[in-house]
PDB file of all heavy atoms in Angstrom:
ATOM      1  N   PRO A   1       6.853   1.918   3.282  1.00  0.00           N
ATOM      2  CA  PRO A   1       8.130   1.885   4.077  1.00  0.00           C
ATOM      3  C   PRO A   1       9.282   1.351   3.214  1.00  0.00           C
ATOM      4  O   PRO A   1       9.212   0.209   2.727  1.00  0.00           O
ATOM      5  CB  PRO A   1       7.821   1.029   5.257  1.00  0.00           C
ATOM      6  CG  PRO A   1       6.739   0.117   4.807  1.00  0.00           C
ATOM      7  CD  PRO A   1       5.908   0.877   3.812  1.00  0.00           C
ATOM      8  N   LEU A   2      10.359   2.141   3.051  1.00  0.00           N
ATOM      9  CA  LEU A   2      11.508   1.739   2.331  1.00  0.00           C
ATOM     10  C   LEU A   2      12.752   1.951   3.227  1.00  0.00           C
ATOM     11  O   LEU A   2      12.783   2.942   3.987  1.00  0.00           O
ATOM     12  CB  LEU A   2      11.681   2.568   1.027  1.00  0.00           C
ATOM     13  CG  LEU A   2      10.576   2.478   0.019  1.00  0.00           C
ATOM     14  CD1 LEU A   2      10.861   3.426  -1.134  1.00  0.00           C
ATOM     15  CD2 LEU A   2      10.444   1.082  -0.507  1.00  0.00           C
ATOM     16  N   ASP A   3      13.756   1.079   3.094  1.00  0.00           N
ATOM     17  CA  ASP A   3      15.006   1.282   3.802  1.00  0.00           C
ATOM     18  C   ASP A   3      15.999   2.123   2.972  1.00  0.00           C
ATOM     19  O   ASP A   3      15.586   2.643   1.896  1.00  0.00           O
ATOM     20  CB  ASP A   3      15.640  -0.064   4.188  1.00  0.00           C
ATOM     21  CG  ASP A   3      15.994  -0.950   3.013  1.00  0.00           C
ATOM     22  OD1 ASP A   3      16.116  -0.421   1.875  1.00  0.00           O
ATOM     23  OD2 ASP A   3      16.166  -2.126   3.222  1.00  0.00           O
ATOM     24  N   LYS A   4      17.229   2.233   3.403  1.00  0.00           N
ATOM     25  CA  LYS A   4      18.208   3.079   2.728  1.00  0.00           C
ATOM     26  C   LYS A   4      18.548   2.503   1.314  1.00  0.00           C
ATOM     27  O   LYS A   4      19.046   3.280   0.478  1.00  0.00           O
ATOM     28  CB  LYS A   4      19.446   3.215   3.534  1.00  0.00           C
ATOM     29  CG  LYS A   4      19.190   4.005   4.824  1.00  0.00           C
ATOM     30  CD  LYS A   4      20.485   4.154   5.638  1.00  0.00           C
ATOM     31  CE  LYS A   4      20.224   4.933   6.917  1.00  0.00           C
ATOM     32  NZ  LYS A   4      21.494   5.111   7.756  1.00  0.00           N
ATOM     33  N   GLU A   5      18.338   1.204   1.144  1.00  0.00           N
ATOM     34  CA  GLU A   5      18.637   0.609  -0.144  1.00  0.00           C
ATOM     35  C   GLU A   5      17.418   0.543  -1.096  1.00  0.00           C
ATOM     36  O   GLU A   5      17.411  -0.159  -2.053  1.00  0.00           O
ATOM     37  CB  GLU A   5      19.130  -0.824   0.082  1.00  0.00           C
ATOM     38  CG  GLU A   5      20.380  -0.918   0.945  1.00  0.00           C
ATOM     39  CD  GLU A   5      21.612  -0.215   0.355  1.00  0.00           C
ATOM     40  OE1 GLU A   5      21.671  -0.212  -0.904  1.00  0.00           O
ATOM     41  OE2 GLU A   5      22.337   0.393   1.088  1.00  0.00           O
ATOM     42  N   PHE A   6      16.342   1.250  -0.664  1.00  0.00           N
ATOM     43  CA  PHE A   6      15.086   1.247  -1.393  1.00  0.00           C
ATOM     44  C   PHE A   6      14.412  -0.146  -1.431  1.00  0.00           C
ATOM     45  O   PHE A   6      13.735  -0.508  -2.425  1.00  0.00           O
ATOM     46  CB  PHE A   6      15.254   1.786  -2.826  1.00  0.00           C
ATOM     47  CG  PHE A   6      15.578   3.300  -2.902  1.00  0.00           C
ATOM     48  CD1 PHE A   6      16.535   3.748  -3.818  1.00  0.00           C
ATOM     49  CD2 PHE A   6      15.016   4.150  -1.988  1.00  0.00           C
ATOM     50  CE1 PHE A   6      16.853   5.079  -3.878  1.00  0.00           C
ATOM     51  CE2 PHE A   6      15.322   5.520  -2.035  1.00  0.00           C
ATOM     52  CZ  PHE A   6      16.283   5.991  -2.991  1.00  0.00           C
ATOM     53  N   GLU A   7      14.627  -0.904  -0.404  1.00  0.00           N
ATOM     54  CA  GLU A   7      13.964  -2.208  -0.293  1.00  0.00           C
ATOM     55  C   GLU A   7      12.673  -1.990   0.540  1.00  0.00           C
ATOM     56  O   GLU A   7      12.701  -1.340   1.582  1.00  0.00           O
ATOM     57  CB  GLU A   7      14.892  -3.251   0.449  1.00  0.00           C
ATOM     58  CG  GLU A   7      16.109  -3.615  -0.335  1.00  0.00           C
ATOM     59  CD  GLU A   7      15.779  -4.471  -1.605  1.00  0.00           C
ATOM     60  OE1 GLU A   7      14.690  -5.085  -1.532  1.00  0.00           O
ATOM     61  OE2 GLU A   7      16.638  -4.510  -2.488  1.00  0.00           O
ATOM     62  N   TYR A   8      11.613  -2.636   0.103  1.00  0.00           N
ATOM     63  CA  TYR A   8      10.313  -2.551   0.803  1.00  0.00           C
ATOM     64  C   TYR A   8      10.421  -3.343   2.109  1.00  0.00           C
ATOM     65  O   TYR A   8      10.785  -4.494   2.135  1.00  0.00           O
ATOM     66  CB  TYR A   8       9.199  -3.155  -0.081  1.00  0.00           C
ATOM     67  CG  TYR A   8       7.842  -3.150   0.561  1.00  0.00           C
ATOM     68  CD1 TYR A   8       7.209  -1.941   0.953  1.00  0.00           C
ATOM     69  CD2 TYR A   8       7.186  -4.366   0.756  1.00  0.00           C
ATOM     70  CE1 TYR A   8       5.953  -1.990   1.504  1.00  0.00           C
ATOM     71  CE2 TYR A   8       5.937  -4.403   1.385  1.00  0.00           C
ATOM     72  CZ  TYR A   8       5.337  -3.209   1.706  1.00  0.00           C
ATOM     73  OH  TYR A   8       4.094  -3.239   2.305  1.00  0.00           O
ATOM     74  N   THR A   9      10.095  -2.664   3.205  1.00  0.00           N
ATOM     75  CA  THR A   9      10.200  -3.297   4.565  1.00  0.00           C
ATOM     76  C   THR A   9       8.885  -3.670   5.202  1.00  0.00           C
ATOM     77  O   THR A   9       8.860  -4.139   6.300  1.00  0.00           O
ATOM     78  CB  THR A   9      10.947  -2.341   5.508  1.00  0.00           C
ATOM     79  OG1 THR A   9      10.232  -1.094   5.633  1.00  0.00           O
ATOM     80  CG2 THR A   9      12.383  -2.080   4.989  1.00  0.00           C
ATOM     81  N   GLY A  10       7.823  -3.437   4.486  1.00  0.00           N
ATOM     82  CA  GLY A  10       6.511  -3.730   5.025  1.00  0.00           C
ATOM     83  C   GLY A  10       6.040  -5.149   4.641  1.00  0.00           C
ATOM     84  O   GLY A  10       6.810  -5.959   4.041  1.00  0.00           O
ATOM     85  N   GLY A  11       4.806  -5.438   4.921  1.00  0.00           N
ATOM     86  CA  GLY A  11       4.203  -6.743   4.547  1.00  0.00           C
ATOM     87  C   GLY A  11       3.041  -6.554   3.598  1.00  0.00           C
ATOM     88  O   GLY A  11       2.706  -5.445   3.250  1.00  0.00           O
ATOM     89  N   PHE A  12       2.345  -7.638   3.332  1.00  0.00           N
ATOM     90  CA  PHE A  12       1.232  -7.612   2.414  1.00  0.00           C
ATOM     91  C   PHE A  12       0.082  -6.761   2.930  1.00  0.00           C
ATOM     92  O   PHE A  12      -0.515  -5.948   2.237  1.00  0.00           O
ATOM     93  CB  PHE A  12       0.713  -9.038   2.159  1.00  0.00           C
ATOM     94  CG  PHE A  12      -0.558  -9.060   1.279  1.00  0.00           C
ATOM     95  CD1 PHE A  12      -0.586  -8.755  -0.038  1.00  0.00           C
ATOM     96  CD2 PHE A  12      -1.785  -9.431   1.915  1.00  0.00           C
ATOM     97  CE1 PHE A  12      -1.749  -8.810  -0.780  1.00  0.00           C
ATOM     98  CE2 PHE A  12      -2.988  -9.446   1.224  1.00  0.00           C
ATOM     99  CZ  PHE A  12      -2.948  -9.150  -0.157  1.00  0.00           C
ATOM    100  N   PHE A  13      -0.193  -6.844   4.245  1.00  0.00           N
ATOM    101  CA  PHE A  13      -1.308  -6.140   4.839  1.00  0.00           C
ATOM    102  C   PHE A  13      -1.061  -4.673   4.989  1.00  0.00           C
ATOM    103  O   PHE A  13      -1.997  -3.915   5.176  1.00  0.00           O
ATOM    104  CB  PHE A  13      -1.727  -6.800   6.153  1.00  0.00           C
ATOM    105  CG  PHE A  13      -2.375  -8.157   5.968  1.00  0.00           C
ATOM    106  CD1 PHE A  13      -1.599  -9.303   6.246  1.00  0.00           C
ATOM    107  CD2 PHE A  13      -3.659  -8.320   5.490  1.00  0.00           C
ATOM    108  CE1 PHE A  13      -2.150 -10.580   5.997  1.00  0.00           C
ATOM    109  CE2 PHE A  13      -4.226  -9.568   5.277  1.00  0.00           C
ATOM    110  CZ  PHE A  13      -3.468 -10.706   5.553  1.00  0.00           C
ATOM    111  N   ASN A  14       0.218  -4.277   4.938  1.00  0.00           N
ATOM    112  CA  ASN A  14       0.565  -2.887   4.959  1.00  0.00           C
ATOM    113  C   ASN A  14      -0.043  -2.167   3.700  1.00  0.00           C
ATOM    114  O   ASN A  14      -0.326  -0.961   3.700  1.00  0.00           O
ATOM    115  CB  ASN A  14       2.065  -2.629   5.003  1.00  0.00           C
ATOM    116  CG  ASN A  14       2.625  -3.032   6.323  1.00  0.00           C
ATOM    117  OD1 ASN A  14       3.123  -4.146   6.478  1.00  0.00           O
ATOM    118  ND2 ASN A  14       2.611  -2.163   7.277  1.00  0.00           N
ATOM    119  N   LEU A  15      -0.161  -2.913   2.619  1.00  0.00           N
ATOM    120  CA  LEU A  15      -0.603  -2.413   1.382  1.00  0.00           C
ATOM    121  C   LEU A  15      -2.125  -2.185   1.405  1.00  0.00           C
ATOM    122  O   LEU A  15      -2.707  -1.413   0.575  1.00  0.00           O
ATOM    123  CB  LEU A  15      -0.222  -3.302   0.269  1.00  0.00           C
ATOM    124  CG  LEU A  15       1.253  -3.587   0.058  1.00  0.00           C
ATOM    125  CD1 LEU A  15       1.486  -4.599  -1.067  1.00  0.00           C
ATOM    126  CD2 LEU A  15       2.039  -2.315  -0.215  1.00  0.00           C
ATOM    127  N   LEU A  16      -2.823  -2.872   2.295  1.00  0.00           N
ATOM    128  CA  LEU A  16      -4.289  -2.771   2.353  1.00  0.00           C
ATOM    129  C   LEU A  16      -4.710  -1.698   3.384  1.00  0.00           C
ATOM    130  O   LEU A  16      -5.533  -1.963   4.256  1.00  0.00           O
ATOM    131  CB  LEU A  16      -4.876  -4.129   2.730  1.00  0.00           C
ATOM    132  CG  LEU A  16      -4.521  -5.311   1.767  1.00  0.00           C
ATOM    133  CD1 LEU A  16      -5.207  -6.581   2.295  1.00  0.00           C
ATOM    134  CD2 LEU A  16      -5.028  -4.962   0.408  1.00  0.00           C
ATOM    135  N   ASN A  17      -4.037  -0.544   3.310  1.00  0.00           N
ATOM    136  CA  ASN A  17      -4.392   0.582   4.198  1.00  0.00           C
ATOM    137  C   ASN A  17      -5.619   1.249   3.691  1.00  0.00           C
ATOM    138  O   ASN A  17      -6.039   1.096   2.586  1.00  0.00           O
ATOM    139  CB  ASN A  17      -3.209   1.536   4.272  1.00  0.00           C
ATOM    140  CG  ASN A  17      -2.819   2.071   2.933  1.00  0.00           C
ATOM    141  OD1 ASN A  17      -3.437   3.003   2.370  1.00  0.00           O
ATOM    142  ND2 ASN A  17      -1.766   1.498   2.332  1.00  0.00           N
ATOM    143  N   PRO A  18      -6.379   1.980   4.598  1.00  0.00           N
ATOM    144  CA  PRO A  18      -7.632   2.622   4.250  1.00  0.00           C
ATOM    145  C   PRO A  18      -7.555   3.452   2.937  1.00  0.00           C
ATOM    146  O   PRO A  18      -8.418   3.376   2.167  1.00  0.00           O
ATOM    147  CB  PRO A  18      -7.972   3.422   5.522  1.00  0.00           C
ATOM    148  CG  PRO A  18      -7.258   2.741   6.616  1.00  0.00           C
ATOM    149  CD  PRO A  18      -6.032   2.187   6.023  1.00  0.00           C
ATOM    150  N   TYR A  19      -6.515   4.296   2.812  1.00  0.00           N
ATOM    151  CA  TYR A  19      -6.473   5.172   1.699  1.00  0.00           C
ATOM    152  C   TYR A  19      -6.309   4.396   0.376  1.00  0.00           C
ATOM    153  O   TYR A  19      -6.986   4.685  -0.626  1.00  0.00           O
ATOM    154  CB  TYR A  19      -5.292   6.170   1.810  1.00  0.00           C
ATOM    155  CG  TYR A  19      -5.240   7.107   0.637  1.00  0.00           C
ATOM    156  CD1 TYR A  19      -6.060   8.234   0.626  1.00  0.00           C
ATOM    157  CD2 TYR A  19      -4.343   6.883  -0.433  1.00  0.00           C
ATOM    158  CE1 TYR A  19      -6.027   9.067  -0.497  1.00  0.00           C
ATOM    159  CE2 TYR A  19      -4.307   7.758  -1.471  1.00  0.00           C
ATOM    160  CZ  TYR A  19      -5.125   8.837  -1.519  1.00  0.00           C
ATOM    161  OH  TYR A  19      -5.101   9.691  -2.635  1.00  0.00           O
ATOM    162  N   ALA A  20      -5.473   3.340   0.386  1.00  0.00           N
ATOM    163  CA  ALA A  20      -5.318   2.616  -0.832  1.00  0.00           C
ATOM    164  C   ALA A  20      -6.539   1.839  -1.208  1.00  0.00           C
ATOM    165  O   ALA A  20      -6.912   1.687  -2.356  1.00  0.00           O
ATOM    166  CB  ALA A  20      -4.138   1.580  -0.585  1.00  0.00           C
ATOM    167  N   LEU A  21      -7.306   1.381  -0.172  1.00  0.00           N
ATOM    168  CA  LEU A  21      -8.583   0.678  -0.448  1.00  0.00           C
ATOM    169  C   LEU A  21      -9.587   1.651  -0.993  1.00  0.00           C
ATOM    170  O   LEU A  21     -10.376   1.267  -1.891  1.00  0.00           O
ATOM    171  CB  LEU A  21      -9.127   0.006   0.833  1.00  0.00           C
ATOM    172  CG  LEU A  21      -8.282  -1.213   1.302  1.00  0.00           C
ATOM    173  CD1 LEU A  21      -8.788  -1.641   2.683  1.00  0.00           C
ATOM    174  CD2 LEU A  21      -8.412  -2.359   0.314  1.00  0.00           C
ATOM    175  N   VAL A  22      -9.634   2.885  -0.516  1.00  0.00           N
ATOM    176  CA  VAL A  22     -10.557   3.881  -1.053  1.00  0.00           C
ATOM    177  C   VAL A  22     -10.239   4.108  -2.525  1.00  0.00           C
ATOM    178  O   VAL A  22     -11.123   4.151  -3.383  1.00  0.00           O
ATOM    179  CB  VAL A  22     -10.427   5.215  -0.270  1.00  0.00           C
ATOM    180  CG1 VAL A  22     -11.187   6.334  -1.041  1.00  0.00           C
ATOM    181  CG2 VAL A  22     -11.062   5.068   1.093  1.00  0.00           C
ATOM    182  N   VAL A  23      -8.945   4.310  -2.839  1.00  0.00           N
ATOM    183  CA  VAL A  23      -8.553   4.472  -4.280  1.00  0.00           C
ATOM    184  C   VAL A  23      -8.885   3.200  -5.084  1.00  0.00           C
ATOM    185  O   VAL A  23      -9.366   3.334  -6.273  1.00  0.00           O
ATOM    186  CB  VAL A  23      -7.060   4.773  -4.359  1.00  0.00           C
ATOM    187  CG1 VAL A  23      -6.674   4.869  -5.838  1.00  0.00           C
ATOM    188  CG2 VAL A  23      -6.743   6.064  -3.654  1.00  0.00           C
ATOM    189  N   GLY A  24      -8.706   2.036  -4.507  1.00  0.00           N
ATOM    190  CA  GLY A  24      -9.067   0.787  -5.199  1.00  0.00           C
ATOM    191  C   GLY A  24     -10.523   0.706  -5.522  1.00  0.00           C
ATOM    192  O   GLY A  24     -10.911   0.351  -6.632  1.00  0.00           O
ATOM    193  N   ILE A  25     -11.384   0.986  -4.566  1.00  0.00           N
ATOM    194  CA  ILE A  25     -12.813   0.948  -4.751  1.00  0.00           C
ATOM    195  C   ILE A  25     -13.254   2.002  -5.807  1.00  0.00           C
ATOM    196  O   ILE A  25     -14.139   1.767  -6.572  1.00  0.00           O
ATOM    197  CB  ILE A  25     -13.549   1.078  -3.439  1.00  0.00           C
ATOM    198  CG1 ILE A  25     -13.274  -0.112  -2.493  1.00  0.00           C
ATOM    199  CG2 ILE A  25     -15.055   1.199  -3.663  1.00  0.00           C
ATOM    200  CD1 ILE A  25     -13.740   0.055  -1.083  1.00  0.00           C
ATOM    201  N   THR A  26     -12.640   3.174  -5.698  1.00  0.00           N
ATOM    202  CA  THR A  26     -12.962   4.222  -6.679  1.00  0.00           C
ATOM    203  C   THR A  26     -12.566   3.815  -8.054  1.00  0.00           C
ATOM    204  O   THR A  26     -13.377   4.075  -8.996  1.00  0.00           O
ATOM    205  CB  THR A  26     -12.197   5.512  -6.282  1.00  0.00           C
ATOM    206  OG1 THR A  26     -12.560   5.906  -4.961  1.00  0.00           O
ATOM    207  CG2 THR A  26     -12.549   6.641  -7.237  1.00  0.00           C
ATOM    208  N   THR A  27     -11.494   3.099  -8.214  1.00  0.00           N
ATOM    209  CA  THR A  27     -11.015   2.598  -9.544  1.00  0.00           C
ATOM    210  C   THR A  27     -12.055   1.598 -10.051  1.00  0.00           C
ATOM    211  O   THR A  27     -12.382   1.581 -11.193  1.00  0.00           O
ATOM    212  CB  THR A  27      -9.682   1.938  -9.440  1.00  0.00           C
ATOM    213  OG1 THR A  27      -8.727   2.895  -8.894  1.00  0.00           O
ATOM    214  CG2 THR A  27      -9.212   1.518 -10.804  1.00  0.00           C
ATOM    215  N   VAL A  28     -12.517   0.684  -9.213  1.00  0.00           N
ATOM    216  CA  VAL A  28     -13.551  -0.243  -9.612  1.00  0.00           C
ATOM    217  C   VAL A  28     -14.826   0.442 -10.093  1.00  0.00           C
ATOM    218  O   VAL A  28     -15.385   0.139 -11.176  1.00  0.00           O
ATOM    219  CB  VAL A  28     -13.915  -1.203  -8.350  1.00  0.00           C
ATOM    220  CG1 VAL A  28     -15.144  -1.987  -8.704  1.00  0.00           C
ATOM    221  CG2 VAL A  28     -12.730  -2.130  -8.051  1.00  0.00           C
ATOM    222  N   ALA A  29     -15.281   1.426  -9.361  1.00  0.00           N
ATOM    223  CA  ALA A  29     -16.450   2.177  -9.746  1.00  0.00           C
ATOM    224  C   ALA A  29     -16.239   2.984 -11.072  1.00  0.00           C
ATOM    225  O   ALA A  29     -17.080   3.044 -11.973  1.00  0.00           O
ATOM    226  CB  ALA A  29     -16.836   3.193  -8.628  1.00  0.00           C
TER     227      ALA A  29
END
């Protein structure tokens, strides 16, 4: 999520979404 000034408007746990975690685990493997 970005605002009109391209500032990130989410929090830390927004980054731990299912798709990102799947990519993260795939990277580890």
